[in-house]
Every structure is written in C-alpha cells, then in structure tokens.
Protein backbone atom coordinates (compact mmCIF):
# COMPACT_ATOMS: atom_id res chain seq x y z
CA MET A 1 -28.36 53.54 73.46
CA LEU A 2 -27.81 50.39 71.44
CA MET A 3 -26.99 51.30 67.84
CA SER A 4 -28.98 49.82 64.98
CA ASP A 5 -27.43 48.85 61.58
CA ARG A 6 -28.31 52.32 60.24
CA ASP A 7 -26.74 53.97 63.33
CA ILE A 8 -23.55 51.93 62.89
CA GLN A 9 -23.34 52.81 59.14
CA GLU A 10 -23.90 56.50 59.87
CA ALA A 11 -21.20 56.45 62.60
CA VAL A 12 -18.76 54.77 60.11
CA ASN A 13 -19.57 57.43 57.45
CA SER A 14 -19.06 60.32 59.95
CA LYS A 15 -15.81 58.68 61.35
CA ASP A 16 -17.26 58.55 64.85
CA LEU A 17 -16.66 54.84 64.48
CA ILE A 18 -13.89 53.42 62.27
CA ILE A 19 -14.04 49.79 61.22
CA ARG A 20 -11.11 48.99 59.01
CA ASN A 21 -11.70 46.16 56.49
CA PHE A 22 -15.41 47.00 56.98
CA SER A 23 -17.86 44.74 55.08
CA LYS A 24 -21.56 45.39 54.63
CA LYS A 25 -22.12 41.65 54.75
CA SER A 26 -20.94 41.71 58.38
CA LEU A 27 -23.35 44.49 59.35
CA GLN A 28 -26.20 42.91 61.39
CA PRO A 29 -29.53 44.51 62.57
CA ALA A 30 -27.92 45.78 65.82
CA SER A 31 -24.27 44.63 65.70
CA TYR A 32 -21.27 43.99 63.49
CA ASP A 33 -19.72 40.52 62.99
CA MET A 34 -15.93 40.51 63.35
CA ARG A 35 -14.06 38.04 61.20
CA VAL A 36 -11.08 35.74 61.87
CA GLY A 37 -7.80 37.47 61.25
CA GLU A 38 -4.43 36.24 60.19
CA GLU A 39 -3.04 35.19 63.53
CA ALA A 40 -3.80 32.94 66.48
CA PHE A 41 -1.92 31.54 69.43
CA SER A 42 -2.70 28.02 70.75
CA SER A 43 -2.05 26.59 74.18
CA HIS A 44 -2.16 23.16 72.61
CA GLU A 45 0.40 23.90 69.88
CA LYS A 46 2.36 26.19 72.13
CA ALA A 47 3.00 28.45 69.23
CA SER A 48 1.56 31.16 66.93
CA ILE A 49 -0.47 30.06 64.01
CA GLU A 50 -0.68 31.79 60.63
CA ILE A 51 -4.33 31.18 59.86
CA LYS A 52 -4.22 32.82 56.45
CA SER A 53 -1.70 30.24 55.19
CA THR A 54 -2.93 27.20 57.16
CA SER A 55 -6.74 27.74 57.20
CA PRO A 56 -8.83 26.41 58.73
CA LEU A 57 -7.72 26.93 62.32
CA ILE A 58 -8.10 23.65 64.25
CA ILE A 59 -9.17 24.05 67.90
CA LYS A 60 -8.52 20.81 69.78
CA PRO A 61 -10.86 19.72 72.63
CA GLY A 62 -9.97 21.65 75.80
CA ASP A 63 -7.68 24.01 73.84
CA PHE A 64 -7.48 27.68 74.74
CA ILE A 65 -6.55 30.11 71.90
CA LEU A 66 -6.15 33.76 71.23
CA VAL A 67 -7.50 34.93 67.84
CA ARG A 68 -6.87 38.32 66.24
CA THR A 69 -9.76 39.89 64.38
CA TYR A 70 -9.51 40.66 60.69
CA GLU A 71 -11.07 44.12 61.38
CA SER A 72 -9.53 46.80 63.55
CA VAL A 73 -11.68 49.51 65.18
CA LYS A 74 -11.42 53.03 66.48
CA LEU A 75 -14.09 54.28 68.81
CA SER A 76 -14.75 57.95 69.44
CA PRO A 77 -15.17 59.13 73.07
CA LYS A 78 -18.94 58.83 72.72
CA ILE A 79 -19.14 55.20 71.52
CA ALA A 80 -18.57 51.95 73.47
CA GLY A 81 -18.72 48.37 72.41
CA ARG A 82 -19.68 44.93 73.81
CA ILE A 83 -18.24 41.79 72.34
CA GLY A 84 -19.84 38.35 72.25
CA LEU A 85 -19.54 35.01 70.41
CA ARG A 86 -21.87 34.29 67.50
CA SER A 87 -24.46 31.74 68.57
CA PHE A 88 -23.53 29.41 65.66
CA HIS A 89 -20.19 28.76 67.32
CA ALA A 90 -21.54 28.75 70.89
CA ARG A 91 -23.94 25.91 69.95
CA LYS A 92 -20.91 23.83 68.84
CA GLY A 93 -19.20 24.16 72.22
CA LEU A 94 -16.99 27.18 71.74
CA ALA A 95 -16.77 29.69 74.58
CA LEU A 96 -15.54 33.27 74.37
CA LEU A 97 -13.29 34.41 77.21
CA ALA A 98 -12.54 38.06 76.98
CA GLY A 99 -13.34 41.38 78.65
CA PRO A 100 -16.85 42.11 77.22
CA GLN A 101 -16.42 45.86 76.90
CA ILE A 102 -14.56 47.90 74.30
CA ASP A 103 -13.97 51.27 75.90
CA PRO A 104 -14.63 54.59 74.23
CA GLY A 105 -11.40 55.82 72.63
CA PHE A 106 -10.02 52.34 72.02
CA GLU A 107 -8.12 51.81 68.74
CA GLY A 108 -6.68 48.57 67.39
CA VAL A 109 -7.49 45.01 66.47
CA LEU A 110 -9.48 42.82 68.91
CA VAL A 111 -7.70 39.80 70.41
CA VAL A 112 -10.33 37.34 71.54
CA GLY A 113 -9.85 34.30 73.80
CA LEU A 114 -11.69 31.10 72.84
CA HIS A 115 -12.01 27.82 74.67
CA ASN A 116 -13.20 24.61 73.07
CA LEU A 117 -15.55 22.94 75.62
CA ASP A 118 -16.61 20.24 73.20
CA ALA A 119 -15.18 16.71 72.91
CA ASN A 120 -14.55 17.22 69.15
CA GLU A 121 -12.23 19.44 67.17
CA LEU A 122 -13.66 22.76 66.00
CA LYS A 123 -12.62 24.70 63.02
CA LEU A 124 -12.43 28.44 62.12
CA SER A 125 -11.60 29.62 58.61
CA TYR A 126 -9.74 32.72 57.72
CA ARG A 127 -12.15 35.75 57.49
CA GLU A 128 -15.02 33.76 58.84
CA PRO A 129 -17.40 35.66 61.09
CA PHE A 130 -16.96 34.41 64.61
CA CYS A 131 -17.81 37.15 67.08
CA THR A 132 -20.07 40.02 67.12
CA VAL A 133 -19.83 43.56 68.55
CA GLU A 134 -22.72 45.67 69.74
CA PHE A 135 -22.02 49.42 69.64
CA TYR A 136 -23.58 51.92 72.15
CA ARG A 137 -23.83 55.65 71.73
CA LEU A 138 -23.28 57.34 75.09
CA SER A 139 -25.32 60.28 76.37
CA GLU A 140 -22.22 62.37 76.33
CA PRO A 141 -18.47 61.86 75.43
CA VAL A 142 -16.35 60.37 78.22
CA LYS A 143 -13.86 62.62 79.97
CA GLN A 144 -11.12 60.01 79.93
CA PRO A 145 -10.98 57.97 76.67
CA TYR A 146 -9.18 54.68 76.77
CA LYS A 147 -5.38 55.00 76.89
CA GLY A 148 -4.48 51.58 78.36
CA GLU A 149 -1.84 48.99 77.46
CA TYR A 150 -3.82 47.52 74.56
CA GLN A 151 -4.19 50.85 72.75
CA SER A 152 -3.09 50.64 69.10
CA GLN A 153 -2.47 46.87 69.30
CA ASN A 154 -2.17 45.32 65.85
CA THR A 155 -1.07 41.75 66.82
CA ILE A 156 -1.12 39.22 69.69
CA ARG A 157 1.23 40.65 72.27
CA GLU A 158 4.20 38.62 73.35
CA GLN A 159 3.34 38.94 77.01
CA ASP A 160 -0.16 37.53 76.34
CA SER A 161 1.25 34.48 74.49
CA THR A 162 3.88 33.92 77.22
CA ALA A 163 1.11 34.03 79.86
CA ILE A 164 -0.78 31.27 77.95
CA LYS A 165 2.42 29.14 77.79
CA GLU A 166 2.77 29.33 81.52
CA ARG A 167 -0.79 28.07 81.91
CA ILE A 168 -0.51 25.21 79.47
CA ALA A 169 -0.47 22.49 82.09
CA ALA A 170 -3.70 23.73 83.48
CA TRP A 171 -5.25 23.95 79.98
CA ALA A 172 -3.88 20.62 78.72
CA PRO A 173 -6.39 19.19 76.20
CA ILE A 174 -8.65 16.62 77.58
CA ASP A 175 -8.35 14.25 74.65
CA ASP A 176 -4.59 14.09 75.07
CA ARG A 177 -4.94 13.04 78.67
CA LEU A 178 -7.45 10.35 77.72
CA LYS A 179 -5.16 9.02 74.96
CA ARG A 180 -2.25 8.74 77.34
CA LEU A 181 -4.46 6.92 79.81
CA GLU A 182 -5.69 4.57 77.03
CA GLU A 183 -2.05 3.88 76.11
CA LYS A 184 -1.15 2.96 79.71
CA VAL A 185 -4.17 0.63 79.92
CA GLU A 186 -3.27 -1.02 76.62
CA ARG A 187 0.34 -1.64 77.86
CA LEU A 188 -0.95 -3.08 81.11
CA THR A 189 -3.41 -5.29 79.21
CA GLU A 190 -0.64 -6.54 76.87
CA LYS A 191 1.62 -7.27 79.86
CA PHE A 192 -0.81 -8.81 82.31
CA LEU A 193 -3.83 -10.13 80.33
CA THR A 194 -2.28 -12.18 77.62
CA PRO A 195 -4.17 -15.47 76.73
CA SER A 196 -1.56 -17.53 78.56
CA VAL A 197 -1.82 -15.40 81.70
CA LEU A 198 -5.62 -15.53 81.64
CA THR A 199 -5.55 -19.30 81.32
CA SER A 200 -3.04 -19.60 84.17
CA SER A 201 -5.02 -17.21 86.38
CA TYR A 202 -8.22 -19.28 85.88
CA ALA A 203 -6.33 -22.46 86.70
CA ALA A 204 -4.72 -20.99 89.76
CA CYS A 205 -7.93 -19.70 91.18
CA LYS A 206 -9.66 -23.04 90.58
CA PHE A 207 -6.77 -24.80 92.33
CA PHE A 208 -6.96 -22.39 95.29
CA VAL A 209 -10.72 -22.74 95.70
CA GLU A 210 -10.58 -26.56 95.43
CA GLN A 211 -8.00 -26.66 98.27
CA VAL A 212 -9.27 -24.06 100.66
CA SER A 213 -12.89 -25.25 100.39
CA GLN A 214 -11.78 -28.42 102.29
CA ILE A 215 -10.79 -26.30 105.29
CA PRO A 216 -13.75 -26.24 107.71
CA GLN A 217 -13.30 -22.62 108.75
CA VAL A 218 -13.44 -21.24 105.13
CA ILE A 219 -16.81 -19.81 104.17
CA ALA A 220 -16.05 -17.70 101.06
CA VAL A 221 -13.30 -16.66 98.72
CA TYR A 222 -13.12 -13.41 96.76
CA MET A 223 -10.80 -12.35 93.96
CA GLY A 224 -9.64 -8.94 92.68
CA VAL A 225 -6.85 -7.82 90.36
CA SER A 226 -4.62 -4.78 90.98
CA GLU A 227 -1.78 -3.88 88.57
CA GLY A 228 -1.27 -7.50 87.54
CA VAL A 229 -1.47 -8.86 91.08
CA ILE A 230 -4.19 -11.41 91.87
CA ASP A 231 -5.75 -10.62 95.23
CA LEU A 232 -7.34 -13.60 97.05
CA TRP A 233 -9.40 -12.86 100.15
CA THR A 234 -10.40 -15.87 102.18
CA ILE A 235 -13.23 -15.32 104.65
CA VAL A 236 -13.20 -17.63 107.72
CA GLU A 237 -15.20 -18.36 110.81
CA GLY A 238 -14.03 -20.27 113.88
CA ASP A 239 -10.44 -21.07 114.89
CA LEU A 240 -8.46 -18.33 113.04
CA TYR A 241 -5.06 -19.85 113.87
CA GLU A 242 -5.93 -23.21 112.47
CA ALA A 243 -7.45 -21.67 109.37
CA GLU A 244 -4.36 -19.44 108.72
CA THR A 245 -2.06 -22.39 109.08
CA SER A 246 -3.96 -24.53 106.66
CA ILE A 247 -4.44 -21.66 104.12
CA ALA A 248 -0.61 -20.91 104.30
CA LYS A 249 0.10 -24.46 103.07
CA VAL A 250 -2.25 -23.91 100.06
CA GLU A 251 -0.62 -20.58 99.30
CA THR A 252 2.84 -22.22 99.26
CA GLU A 253 1.69 -24.89 96.87
CA LEU A 254 -0.12 -22.21 94.73
CA LEU A 255 3.15 -20.27 94.31
CA ARG A 256 5.04 -23.47 93.44
CA ARG A 257 2.57 -24.45 90.72
CA PHE A 258 2.10 -21.02 89.19
CA PRO A 259 5.50 -19.18 89.44
CA ASN A 260 4.63 -16.82 86.56
CA LEU A 261 1.76 -15.22 88.47
CA LEU A 262 1.75 -12.72 91.30
CA PHE A 263 -0.55 -13.30 94.30
CA ASP A 264 -1.51 -11.40 97.42
CA SER A 265 -3.49 -13.56 99.81
CA LEU A 266 -5.38 -12.34 102.83
CA VAL A 267 -7.27 -14.28 105.51
CA VAL A 268 -10.21 -12.27 106.87
CA PRO A 269 -12.24 -13.28 109.94
CA LYS A 270 -15.91 -12.70 109.48
CA LYS A 271 -16.71 -11.95 113.14
CA GLY A 272 -20.46 -11.76 112.51
CA ARG A 273 -20.12 -9.02 109.88
CA GLU A 274 -22.02 -8.90 106.60
CA LEU A 275 -19.73 -9.84 103.74
CA ASP A 276 -20.64 -6.80 101.66
CA LYS A 277 -19.28 -4.71 104.57
CA ILE A 278 -15.93 -6.52 104.43
CA ILE A 279 -15.14 -7.01 100.68
CA PRO A 280 -14.13 -4.26 98.25
CA THR A 281 -16.96 -3.58 95.79
CA ASN A 282 -14.78 -4.43 92.77
CA TYR A 283 -13.90 -7.93 94.07
CA MET A 284 -15.62 -11.00 92.64
CA GLU A 285 -16.95 -13.92 94.71
CA ILE A 286 -15.45 -17.18 93.38
CA TYR A 287 -16.53 -19.50 96.30
CA ARG A 288 -19.16 -19.57 98.98
CA ARG A 289 -19.79 -22.50 101.27
CA VAL A 290 -23.36 -23.86 101.00
CA ARG A 291 -24.82 -24.49 104.41
CA SER A 292 -26.43 -27.88 104.75
C-alpha cells in the first residue's frame, strides 16, 4: 500500500521508518523529497566534488554523476521504497539512473546516479530537493530484510567512483567533443582558407576551365575540396586518350602557375551516364558545355 503523508509521518514517529535530517517541508502528499547532500562524483571532472563548499553543483552536458542524499534512511522489514526524479529537474533534461527500489531493512544514505541529457549545463544546490521517494507498507514483514553490499553506506563508495572512471570515455561530454571538432575546423580554415588561398583557388579554377573548355571532348568540370586539396573532375565524351593527353598538358601548366595550391585531377568518361550518378553530391559544377 502506498503511504500518504500522514502514513509517512506516523511511521517516522513510531520508528518503523527513520529519516535522518527529516524536514516537514520535504514531506509531500504521498512521498518524501530527498535533498542534495555534501558529496558528488563527476565523470566529467574525474573526481569527487564537495557540494557544500562549492555549491551549486554544475552538471555538464552529457555528464554522469553520483550524488549522495542529505538524508539517510532506515526501513523496517515491513516498509519498502521507490525512488524517482522530481519532475522539475526531469523537464530540464536530467535523468535519474538508479535501481528504483529501496529494499525493506535497508539503512544508509542514498547514492543516486544522474545524467544530463540536455545541451546546457544544469545546476543542483546543496540541500535542494532533487529526488522523491514513495514508501510502501507491505502486507507482512519480509523474511529476509536487506543485508547487501550497500547496507549502512554513508558515502559514495570508492569502487563505485572507480567504475565511473573506467567508463569516462563512453560518457565523455558532448559539448567537449563538439568544441574539439570546432577547434580542428578553425585550424583547417586558418591553414587552407586564408584570403590569399581563396583568391589563388578562384584564379586557378578559372584558368583550368578556360583551357579545358577548348578541348572538344570536355563536356563539364566539377570541383570539390578535401582537407585543403582542390579536386577537379573533368567529364569527357569521345576519344578518351586524346582528351587525357590534352588535359594532362593543362594540369602541368596549372601546377606551374599555382605552386602554392594542391590539386587532384581526374578525367571521367561519361559513357552515356547521367552526371548526377557520377559526381559526388558535395562537388560543385564550374563548367558545362552548351550544346549548339
């Protein structure tokens, strides 16, 4: 049977349920709100965090943390609990990852796993209500009250924090990955897309098109850029050998005139195929022969 606020208060008074650091403000119609305790462990920081002295606790996007509750509990053999996240925090993108049941006979603080699914930082202040526990009175006391490895825990266990450290690569925060990617893009941009390079690239492509457009077999030219290399695909119809020979001469002159640029030139026979079936989708058409 789910216990009401009155049931919970009566169980606390009779010692069937002990909630240390109990606060009437945390007593809800059919649950009790647990508050943020003094300690957390963050996979992002790779260390324990003393929330009481550094409040608020900052949870980075993608971060997985363990948080100790301010309250500790002791359940009699005839009371069980179920833990969940307060909806206020769930609506912000916080997810609770923990075994949902508190077994009859358990005693100790609760250590709750939280994962920030949002793209923004989330904050939890010391002694702020963050999760809620529903208590259930059983039809009869259990024969085997809880006596597991978490009995009488009063802190975040070393083996739990070590397990998180070993999973850090899998839980690496999303924003850090994006920032590293942005930095790489910026470095490539600075290296390959300076104003002088852009000007030279335009001039080089213009020269190439002017020359190969005079070759009868050439029907189109496409350009792409990959890691600072300018890819030039020349589409031809007719005598392939003659076309390749003529285009090779243009390529030689192109390299002589623009030694500061990197080129990769490819001659592609059309062979009756549609051009959109040949050319990569990220390439740009810079020349097409107009049929008279």
